[in-house]
Amino acid sequence: MILRNYKKEDSPIIATWLRTEEELYKWSSDRFNKFPLEENDIEENYAPQLEAGRFFPLTAEDEEGNVIGHFIIRYPREDDDSSVRFGFVVVDPKLRGKGYGKEMLLLGVEYVKENLFVKRIDLGVFDNNESAKHCYEAVGFKEYAIRDCELPIGKWKCIDMEMFI
């Protein structure tokens, strides 16, 4: 597996991986609020964020160059360069449960160490997404807070996790 910079051609592929409204919200929280996603919705969401230089969408490819996973890294606060947040973590549904998410995130941690020089990475996962939480724990993230999130499809508990590097 390799990580590369996201390309607009990835948008329609990733959008097809979000097969249900619940999957969309597990993936994006309240950042899209539209189901189903159309093929350019991800690109349109990312374009203005890319201009600021504090947003890094990455795509995972297998050895044959097939897109198999995706996530973003962003600085959550304008005034703080010591911490980044992982988000929008998703793996092709046909490949879930085979370790690709863990491998992708480990590559993401290496990317952060080599390029962003921060001390901390955090992320959020909903408590109804146990497989994702297990994946994040396997990579080394530890829970530090739980909060309620009001989404259009209900109230979910979000577990915030962090890793110091």
N, C-alpha and C. Protein backbone atom coordinates (compact mmCIF):
# COMPACT_ATOMS: atom_id res chain seq x y z
N MET A 1 0.85 -1.19 0.00
CA MET A 1 0.00 0.00 0.00
C MET A 1 0.88 1.24 0.00
N ILE A 2 0.43 2.23 -0.75
CA ILE A 2 1.08 3.54 -0.71
C ILE A 2 0.03 4.60 -0.40
N LEU A 3 0.49 5.68 0.20
CA LEU A 3 -0.36 6.87 0.39
C LEU A 3 0.08 7.90 -0.62
N ARG A 4 -0.88 8.55 -1.23
CA ARG A 4 -0.59 9.64 -2.15
C ARG A 4 -1.57 10.77 -1.88
N ASN A 5 -1.27 11.93 -2.42
CA ASN A 5 -2.20 13.05 -2.31
C ASN A 5 -3.51 12.70 -3.02
N TYR A 6 -4.60 13.08 -2.41
CA TYR A 6 -5.92 12.93 -3.00
C TYR A 6 -5.98 13.66 -4.34
N LYS A 7 -6.69 13.08 -5.31
CA LYS A 7 -6.95 13.73 -6.60
C LYS A 7 -8.46 13.81 -6.79
N LYS A 8 -8.91 14.80 -7.57
CA LYS A 8 -10.36 14.95 -7.76
C LYS A 8 -10.99 13.70 -8.36
N GLU A 9 -10.23 12.90 -9.08
CA GLU A 9 -10.74 11.66 -9.65
C GLU A 9 -11.10 10.63 -8.58
N ASP A 10 -10.61 10.83 -7.35
CA ASP A 10 -10.92 9.92 -6.25
C ASP A 10 -12.33 10.15 -5.71
N SER A 11 -12.85 11.36 -5.87
CA SER A 11 -14.14 11.74 -5.28
C SER A 11 -15.27 10.77 -5.64
N PRO A 12 -15.49 10.44 -6.93
CA PRO A 12 -16.60 9.52 -7.23
C PRO A 12 -16.39 8.11 -6.68
N ILE A 13 -15.14 7.68 -6.59
CA ILE A 13 -14.85 6.34 -6.06
C ILE A 13 -15.21 6.30 -4.58
N ILE A 14 -14.72 7.27 -3.82
CA ILE A 14 -14.97 7.31 -2.38
C ILE A 14 -16.46 7.45 -2.10
N ALA A 15 -17.15 8.27 -2.88
CA ALA A 15 -18.59 8.48 -2.66
C ALA A 15 -19.37 7.16 -2.75
N THR A 16 -18.94 6.24 -3.61
CA THR A 16 -19.67 4.96 -3.74
C THR A 16 -19.48 4.06 -2.52
N TRP A 17 -18.45 4.31 -1.73
CA TRP A 17 -18.19 3.49 -0.54
C TRP A 17 -19.17 3.79 0.59
N LEU A 18 -19.84 4.93 0.53
CA LEU A 18 -20.77 5.35 1.58
C LEU A 18 -22.17 4.93 1.14
N ARG A 19 -22.49 3.67 1.42
CA ARG A 19 -23.65 3.00 0.84
C ARG A 19 -24.97 3.29 1.54
N THR A 20 -24.89 3.72 2.80
CA THR A 20 -26.10 4.03 3.56
C THR A 20 -25.93 5.39 4.23
N GLU A 21 -27.05 5.95 4.64
CA GLU A 21 -26.99 7.23 5.35
C GLU A 21 -26.20 7.09 6.65
N GLU A 22 -26.35 5.96 7.34
CA GLU A 22 -25.59 5.74 8.57
C GLU A 22 -24.09 5.70 8.28
N GLU A 23 -23.68 5.04 7.22
CA GLU A 23 -22.25 5.02 6.86
C GLU A 23 -21.75 6.43 6.56
N LEU A 24 -22.55 7.21 5.87
CA LEU A 24 -22.16 8.60 5.57
C LEU A 24 -21.88 9.37 6.85
N TYR A 25 -22.79 9.28 7.82
CA TYR A 25 -22.61 10.04 9.06
C TYR A 25 -21.48 9.48 9.92
N LYS A 26 -21.29 8.17 9.93
CA LYS A 26 -20.14 7.60 10.65
C LYS A 26 -18.84 8.13 10.06
N TRP A 27 -18.82 8.33 8.76
CA TRP A 27 -17.62 8.79 8.06
C TRP A 27 -17.41 10.29 8.21
N SER A 28 -18.47 11.06 8.04
CA SER A 28 -18.30 12.51 7.89
C SER A 28 -18.92 13.35 9.00
N SER A 29 -19.52 12.70 10.00
CA SER A 29 -20.24 13.43 11.03
C SER A 29 -21.27 14.33 10.33
N ASP A 30 -21.23 15.63 10.58
CA ASP A 30 -22.23 16.52 9.98
C ASP A 30 -21.62 17.40 8.88
N ARG A 31 -20.55 16.96 8.26
CA ARG A 31 -19.83 17.79 7.27
C ARG A 31 -20.48 17.80 5.89
N PHE A 32 -21.36 16.85 5.60
CA PHE A 32 -22.00 16.82 4.28
C PHE A 32 -23.52 16.97 4.39
N ASN A 33 -24.15 16.24 5.31
CA ASN A 33 -25.61 16.32 5.53
C ASN A 33 -26.40 16.12 4.24
N LYS A 34 -25.94 15.23 3.40
CA LYS A 34 -26.61 14.95 2.13
C LYS A 34 -26.35 13.49 1.78
N PHE A 35 -27.40 12.75 1.51
CA PHE A 35 -27.25 11.36 1.09
C PHE A 35 -28.22 11.08 -0.04
N PRO A 36 -27.75 10.39 -1.07
CA PRO A 36 -26.38 9.92 -1.28
C PRO A 36 -25.48 11.06 -1.78
N LEU A 37 -24.18 10.87 -1.60
CA LEU A 37 -23.24 11.83 -2.15
C LEU A 37 -23.17 11.65 -3.65
N GLU A 38 -23.09 12.75 -4.36
CA GLU A 38 -22.87 12.70 -5.80
C GLU A 38 -21.37 12.67 -6.05
N GLU A 39 -20.98 12.33 -7.27
CA GLU A 39 -19.57 12.04 -7.51
C GLU A 39 -18.62 13.21 -7.28
N ASN A 40 -19.07 14.45 -7.34
CA ASN A 40 -18.17 15.58 -7.11
C ASN A 40 -18.35 16.25 -5.76
N ASP A 41 -19.22 15.73 -4.91
CA ASP A 41 -19.46 16.36 -3.60
C ASP A 41 -18.22 16.41 -2.72
N ILE A 42 -17.43 15.36 -2.73
CA ILE A 42 -16.22 15.36 -1.90
C ILE A 42 -15.24 16.40 -2.43
N GLU A 43 -15.04 16.41 -3.72
CA GLU A 43 -14.14 17.39 -4.34
C GLU A 43 -14.59 18.82 -4.02
N GLU A 44 -15.87 19.09 -4.13
CA GLU A 44 -16.37 20.43 -3.85
C GLU A 44 -16.20 20.82 -2.38
N ASN A 45 -16.29 19.85 -1.48
CA ASN A 45 -16.08 20.10 -0.06
C ASN A 45 -14.60 20.38 0.22
N TYR A 46 -13.72 19.65 -0.43
CA TYR A 46 -12.29 19.77 -0.16
C TYR A 46 -11.65 21.02 -0.78
N ALA A 47 -12.10 21.43 -1.96
CA ALA A 47 -11.42 22.49 -2.71
C ALA A 47 -11.13 23.75 -1.89
N PRO A 48 -12.11 24.34 -1.19
CA PRO A 48 -11.79 25.56 -0.44
C PRO A 48 -10.85 25.30 0.74
N GLN A 49 -10.92 24.12 1.32
CA GLN A 49 -10.06 23.80 2.46
C GLN A 49 -8.60 23.62 2.03
N LEU A 50 -8.40 23.10 0.83
CA LEU A 50 -7.04 22.90 0.32
C LEU A 50 -6.29 24.21 0.16
N GLU A 51 -7.00 25.27 -0.17
CA GLU A 51 -6.37 26.57 -0.40
C GLU A 51 -5.69 27.11 0.85
N ALA A 52 -6.19 26.76 2.02
CA ALA A 52 -5.63 27.29 3.27
C ALA A 52 -4.29 26.66 3.65
N GLY A 53 -3.96 25.50 3.07
CA GLY A 53 -2.69 24.85 3.35
C GLY A 53 -2.63 24.14 4.69
N ARG A 54 -3.78 23.95 5.32
CA ARG A 54 -3.83 23.27 6.63
C ARG A 54 -4.73 22.03 6.56
N PHE A 55 -4.87 21.49 5.36
CA PHE A 55 -5.80 20.40 5.09
C PHE A 55 -5.13 19.48 4.07
N PHE A 56 -4.99 18.20 4.43
CA PHE A 56 -4.23 17.27 3.62
C PHE A 56 -5.02 15.98 3.40
N PRO A 57 -5.78 15.89 2.31
CA PRO A 57 -6.48 14.64 2.02
C PRO A 57 -5.52 13.65 1.35
N LEU A 58 -5.56 12.42 1.82
CA LEU A 58 -4.66 11.38 1.31
C LEU A 58 -5.48 10.17 0.86
N THR A 59 -4.98 9.52 -0.17
CA THR A 59 -5.64 8.34 -0.71
C THR A 59 -4.66 7.17 -0.67
N ALA A 60 -5.16 6.01 -0.29
CA ALA A 60 -4.36 4.79 -0.26
C ALA A 60 -4.62 4.00 -1.54
N GLU A 61 -3.55 3.49 -2.13
CA GLU A 61 -3.64 2.64 -3.31
C GLU A 61 -2.97 1.31 -3.02
N ASP A 62 -3.48 0.26 -3.67
CA ASP A 62 -2.81 -1.03 -3.58
C ASP A 62 -1.68 -1.09 -4.61
N GLU A 63 -1.03 -2.24 -4.70
CA GLU A 63 0.13 -2.39 -5.58
C GLU A 63 -0.23 -2.18 -7.06
N GLU A 64 -1.49 -2.42 -7.42
CA GLU A 64 -1.91 -2.25 -8.82
C GLU A 64 -2.40 -0.83 -9.11
N GLY A 65 -2.38 0.04 -8.13
CA GLY A 65 -2.83 1.42 -8.33
C GLY A 65 -4.32 1.62 -8.11
N ASN A 66 -5.01 0.62 -7.54
CA ASN A 66 -6.43 0.77 -7.24
C ASN A 66 -6.62 1.57 -5.97
N VAL A 67 -7.58 2.48 -5.97
CA VAL A 67 -7.91 3.27 -4.78
C VAL A 67 -8.61 2.35 -3.79
N ILE A 68 -8.03 2.22 -2.59
CA ILE A 68 -8.59 1.30 -1.59
C ILE A 68 -8.93 1.96 -0.26
N GLY A 69 -8.48 3.19 -0.05
CA GLY A 69 -8.77 3.86 1.21
C GLY A 69 -8.52 5.36 1.11
N HIS A 70 -8.98 6.07 2.12
CA HIS A 70 -8.87 7.52 2.09
C HIS A 70 -9.04 8.08 3.51
N PHE A 71 -8.36 9.18 3.79
CA PHE A 71 -8.60 9.95 5.01
C PHE A 71 -7.99 11.33 4.84
N ILE A 72 -8.32 12.21 5.77
CA ILE A 72 -7.77 13.55 5.73
C ILE A 72 -6.98 13.81 7.01
N ILE A 73 -6.04 14.72 6.89
CA ILE A 73 -5.31 15.26 8.04
C ILE A 73 -5.54 16.77 7.98
N ARG A 74 -5.88 17.35 9.12
CA ARG A 74 -6.08 18.80 9.13
C ARG A 74 -5.62 19.37 10.46
N TYR A 75 -5.22 20.62 10.41
CA TYR A 75 -4.97 21.37 11.64
C TYR A 75 -6.33 21.87 12.11
N PRO A 76 -6.78 21.45 13.29
CA PRO A 76 -8.12 21.84 13.72
C PRO A 76 -8.25 23.30 14.15
N ARG A 77 -7.12 23.92 14.56
CA ARG A 77 -7.19 25.32 15.01
C ARG A 77 -6.17 26.16 14.25
N GLU A 78 -6.61 27.33 13.87
CA GLU A 78 -5.74 28.25 13.11
C GLU A 78 -4.50 28.67 13.90
N ASP A 79 -4.64 28.76 15.21
CA ASP A 79 -3.56 29.30 16.04
C ASP A 79 -2.70 28.23 16.70
N ASP A 80 -2.78 26.98 16.22
CA ASP A 80 -2.05 25.89 16.88
C ASP A 80 -1.49 24.94 15.83
N ASP A 81 -0.16 24.89 15.74
CA ASP A 81 0.50 23.99 14.81
C ASP A 81 1.06 22.75 15.50
N SER A 82 0.70 22.52 16.76
CA SER A 82 1.27 21.40 17.50
C SER A 82 0.45 20.12 17.39
N SER A 83 -0.74 20.22 16.79
CA SER A 83 -1.65 19.08 16.77
C SER A 83 -2.40 19.03 15.44
N VAL A 84 -2.60 17.81 14.92
CA VAL A 84 -3.44 17.61 13.74
C VAL A 84 -4.53 16.60 14.09
N ARG A 85 -5.55 16.59 13.25
CA ARG A 85 -6.69 15.68 13.44
C ARG A 85 -6.88 14.84 12.18
N PHE A 86 -7.02 13.54 12.37
CA PHE A 86 -7.39 12.64 11.28
C PHE A 86 -8.91 12.64 11.18
N GLY A 87 -9.42 12.53 9.96
CA GLY A 87 -10.86 12.45 9.76
C GLY A 87 -11.20 11.80 8.44
N PHE A 88 -12.48 11.61 8.22
CA PHE A 88 -13.00 11.03 6.98
C PHE A 88 -12.27 9.73 6.63
N VAL A 89 -12.00 8.90 7.63
CA VAL A 89 -11.27 7.65 7.42
C VAL A 89 -12.23 6.62 6.83
N VAL A 90 -11.87 6.07 5.68
CA VAL A 90 -12.73 5.08 5.03
C VAL A 90 -11.88 4.13 4.18
N VAL A 91 -12.32 2.87 4.16
CA VAL A 91 -11.70 1.84 3.33
C VAL A 91 -12.80 1.27 2.43
N ASP A 92 -12.42 0.90 1.23
CA ASP A 92 -13.36 0.25 0.31
C ASP A 92 -14.10 -0.86 1.07
N PRO A 93 -15.44 -0.85 1.03
CA PRO A 93 -16.21 -1.84 1.80
C PRO A 93 -15.85 -3.29 1.48
N LYS A 94 -15.40 -3.55 0.27
CA LYS A 94 -15.03 -4.93 -0.10
C LYS A 94 -13.77 -5.39 0.63
N LEU A 95 -13.01 -4.44 1.19
CA LEU A 95 -11.73 -4.76 1.79
C LEU A 95 -11.71 -4.58 3.31
N ARG A 96 -12.82 -4.18 3.90
CA ARG A 96 -12.85 -3.92 5.34
C ARG A 96 -12.63 -5.20 6.13
N GLY A 97 -12.01 -5.03 7.30
CA GLY A 97 -11.77 -6.16 8.19
C GLY A 97 -10.53 -6.96 7.85
N LYS A 98 -9.70 -6.46 6.93
CA LYS A 98 -8.51 -7.19 6.49
C LYS A 98 -7.20 -6.49 6.86
N GLY A 99 -7.29 -5.44 7.69
CA GLY A 99 -6.09 -4.75 8.13
C GLY A 99 -5.67 -3.56 7.28
N TYR A 100 -6.41 -3.26 6.22
CA TYR A 100 -6.03 -2.14 5.36
C TYR A 100 -6.17 -0.80 6.09
N GLY A 101 -7.20 -0.65 6.91
CA GLY A 101 -7.37 0.60 7.65
C GLY A 101 -6.20 0.86 8.58
N LYS A 102 -5.79 -0.18 9.30
CA LYS A 102 -4.65 -0.04 10.22
C LYS A 102 -3.39 0.33 9.44
N GLU A 103 -3.14 -0.37 8.34
CA GLU A 103 -1.94 -0.08 7.54
C GLU A 103 -1.98 1.35 7.02
N MET A 104 -3.14 1.78 6.53
CA MET A 104 -3.28 3.13 6.01
C MET A 104 -3.01 4.17 7.09
N LEU A 105 -3.55 3.96 8.28
CA LEU A 105 -3.35 4.93 9.36
C LEU A 105 -1.92 4.94 9.87
N LEU A 106 -1.27 3.78 9.90
CA LEU A 106 0.14 3.75 10.29
C LEU A 106 0.98 4.54 9.28
N LEU A 107 0.65 4.42 8.00
CA LEU A 107 1.33 5.24 6.99
C LEU A 107 1.02 6.72 7.21
N GLY A 108 -0.20 7.03 7.64
CA GLY A 108 -0.58 8.40 7.94
C GLY A 108 0.22 8.98 9.10
N VAL A 109 0.43 8.16 10.13
CA VAL A 109 1.24 8.61 11.27
C VAL A 109 2.67 8.90 10.80
N GLU A 110 3.22 8.04 9.95
CA GLU A 110 4.56 8.28 9.41
C GLU A 110 4.59 9.56 8.57
N TYR A 111 3.55 9.78 7.79
CA TYR A 111 3.44 11.01 7.00
C TYR A 111 3.50 12.23 7.91
N VAL A 112 2.74 12.19 8.99
CA VAL A 112 2.73 13.31 9.94
C VAL A 112 4.12 13.52 10.53
N LYS A 113 4.76 12.44 10.96
CA LYS A 113 6.09 12.56 11.55
C LYS A 113 7.10 13.17 10.58
N GLU A 114 7.00 12.78 9.31
CA GLU A 114 7.98 13.22 8.32
C GLU A 114 7.69 14.60 7.74
N ASN A 115 6.43 15.02 7.76
CA ASN A 115 6.07 16.25 7.04
C ASN A 115 5.48 17.37 7.89
N LEU A 116 4.87 17.05 9.01
CA LEU A 116 4.12 18.08 9.73
C LEU A 116 4.72 18.42 11.09
N PHE A 117 5.53 17.57 11.65
CA PHE A 117 6.29 17.87 12.86
C PHE A 117 5.42 18.34 14.02
N VAL A 118 4.33 17.64 14.25
CA VAL A 118 3.46 17.96 15.37
C VAL A 118 3.74 17.01 16.52
N LYS A 119 3.16 17.29 17.67
CA LYS A 119 3.37 16.46 18.86
C LYS A 119 2.21 15.50 19.10
N ARG A 120 1.06 15.80 18.46
CA ARG A 120 -0.16 15.05 18.80
C ARG A 120 -1.05 14.90 17.57
N ILE A 121 -1.69 13.73 17.49
CA ILE A 121 -2.72 13.47 16.48
C ILE A 121 -3.97 13.06 17.24
N ASP A 122 -5.12 13.59 16.84
CA ASP A 122 -6.35 13.12 17.45
C ASP A 122 -7.37 12.81 16.37
N LEU A 123 -8.46 12.20 16.79
CA LEU A 123 -9.55 11.84 15.90
C LEU A 123 -10.78 11.57 16.73
N GLY A 124 -11.91 11.48 16.06
CA GLY A 124 -13.16 11.15 16.72
C GLY A 124 -13.78 9.94 16.05
N VAL A 125 -14.42 9.11 16.86
CA VAL A 125 -15.12 7.94 16.34
C VAL A 125 -16.41 7.78 17.12
N PHE A 126 -17.48 7.46 16.42
CA PHE A 126 -18.75 7.26 17.10
C PHE A 126 -18.77 5.91 17.80
N ASP A 127 -19.42 5.86 18.95
CA ASP A 127 -19.42 4.61 19.73
C ASP A 127 -20.18 3.48 19.03
N ASN A 128 -20.95 3.80 17.99
CA ASN A 128 -21.63 2.76 17.23
C ASN A 128 -20.77 2.25 16.06
N ASN A 129 -19.51 2.59 16.06
CA ASN A 129 -18.57 2.16 15.02
C ASN A 129 -17.42 1.41 15.69
N GLU A 130 -17.76 0.26 16.29
CA GLU A 130 -16.79 -0.49 17.09
C GLU A 130 -15.58 -0.96 16.29
N SER A 131 -15.78 -1.35 15.04
CA SER A 131 -14.65 -1.84 14.24
C SER A 131 -13.64 -0.71 14.00
N ALA A 132 -14.13 0.51 13.75
CA ALA A 132 -13.22 1.64 13.57
C ALA A 132 -12.49 1.95 14.87
N LYS A 133 -13.20 1.94 15.99
CA LYS A 133 -12.55 2.21 17.28
C LYS A 133 -11.45 1.18 17.55
N HIS A 134 -11.73 -0.07 17.26
CA HIS A 134 -10.73 -1.13 17.45
C HIS A 134 -9.51 -0.88 16.56
N CYS A 135 -9.74 -0.46 15.32
CA CYS A 135 -8.65 -0.14 14.40
C CYS A 135 -7.78 0.99 14.96
N TYR A 136 -8.42 2.04 15.45
CA TYR A 136 -7.66 3.17 15.99
C TYR A 136 -6.86 2.76 17.22
N GLU A 137 -7.43 1.94 18.06
CA GLU A 137 -6.69 1.43 19.23
C GLU A 137 -5.49 0.61 18.80
N ALA A 138 -5.66 -0.21 17.74
CA ALA A 138 -4.56 -1.04 17.25
C ALA A 138 -3.41 -0.20 16.71
N VAL A 139 -3.72 1.00 16.21
CA VAL A 139 -2.70 1.91 15.70
C VAL A 139 -2.00 2.65 16.85
N GLY A 140 -2.66 2.74 18.02
CA GLY A 140 -2.05 3.39 19.17
C GLY A 140 -2.81 4.56 19.73
N PHE A 141 -4.00 4.85 19.21
CA PHE A 141 -4.81 5.94 19.75
C PHE A 141 -5.46 5.53 21.06
N LYS A 142 -5.56 6.47 21.99
CA LYS A 142 -6.17 6.24 23.29
C LYS A 142 -7.32 7.22 23.50
N GLU A 143 -8.38 6.74 24.10
CA GLU A 143 -9.55 7.57 24.39
C GLU A 143 -9.22 8.65 25.41
N TYR A 144 -9.70 9.88 25.15
CA TYR A 144 -9.50 10.94 26.15
C TYR A 144 -10.78 11.71 26.48
N ALA A 145 -11.85 11.54 25.70
CA ALA A 145 -13.10 12.24 26.00
C ALA A 145 -14.25 11.56 25.27
N ILE A 146 -15.45 11.77 25.82
CA ILE A 146 -16.67 11.32 25.16
C ILE A 146 -17.63 12.50 25.17
N ARG A 147 -18.28 12.74 24.03
CA ARG A 147 -19.21 13.86 23.95
C ARG A 147 -20.42 13.44 23.12
N ASP A 148 -21.52 14.15 23.31
CA ASP A 148 -22.73 13.91 22.53
C ASP A 148 -22.66 14.73 21.24
N CYS A 149 -23.07 14.09 20.15
CA CYS A 149 -23.14 14.78 18.85
C CYS A 149 -24.56 14.66 18.33
N GLU A 150 -25.14 15.79 18.01
CA GLU A 150 -26.49 15.85 17.45
C GLU A 150 -26.36 15.82 15.93
N LEU A 151 -26.83 14.74 15.32
CA LEU A 151 -26.78 14.58 13.87
C LEU A 151 -28.20 14.55 13.32
N PRO A 152 -28.35 14.80 12.04
CA PRO A 152 -29.71 14.76 11.46
C PRO A 152 -30.41 13.41 11.63
N ILE A 153 -29.64 12.35 11.86
CA ILE A 153 -30.27 11.03 12.02
C ILE A 153 -30.29 10.58 13.48
N GLY A 154 -29.98 11.47 14.41
CA GLY A 154 -30.07 11.12 15.83
C GLY A 154 -28.89 11.64 16.64
N LYS A 155 -28.94 11.36 17.93
CA LYS A 155 -27.86 11.76 18.84
C LYS A 155 -26.94 10.56 19.02
N TRP A 156 -25.65 10.76 18.73
CA TRP A 156 -24.65 9.71 18.87
C TRP A 156 -23.57 10.18 19.84
N LYS A 157 -22.95 9.24 20.50
CA LYS A 157 -21.80 9.54 21.36
C LYS A 157 -20.53 9.47 20.51
N CYS A 158 -19.71 10.51 20.62
CA CYS A 158 -18.43 10.55 19.91
C CYS A 158 -17.32 10.35 20.93
N ILE A 159 -16.43 9.45 20.61
CA ILE A 159 -15.26 9.18 21.44
C ILE A 159 -14.08 9.88 20.80
N ASP A 160 -13.46 10.79 21.51
CA ASP A 160 -12.27 11.46 21.03
C ASP A 160 -11.06 10.66 21.48
N MET A 161 -10.13 10.44 20.55
CA MET A 161 -8.94 9.64 20.81
C MET A 161 -7.72 10.44 20.38
N GLU A 162 -6.57 10.13 20.99
CA GLU A 162 -5.35 10.85 20.69
C GLU A 162 -4.14 9.94 20.75
N MET A 163 -3.09 10.42 20.13
CA MET A 163 -1.79 9.76 20.14
C MET A 163 -0.73 10.84 20.19
N PHE A 164 0.26 10.65 21.01
CA PHE A 164 1.38 11.58 21.08
C PHE A 164 2.55 10.97 20.31
N ILE A 165 3.20 11.82 19.50
CA ILE A 165 4.31 11.30 18.67
C ILE A 165 5.58 12.09 18.90
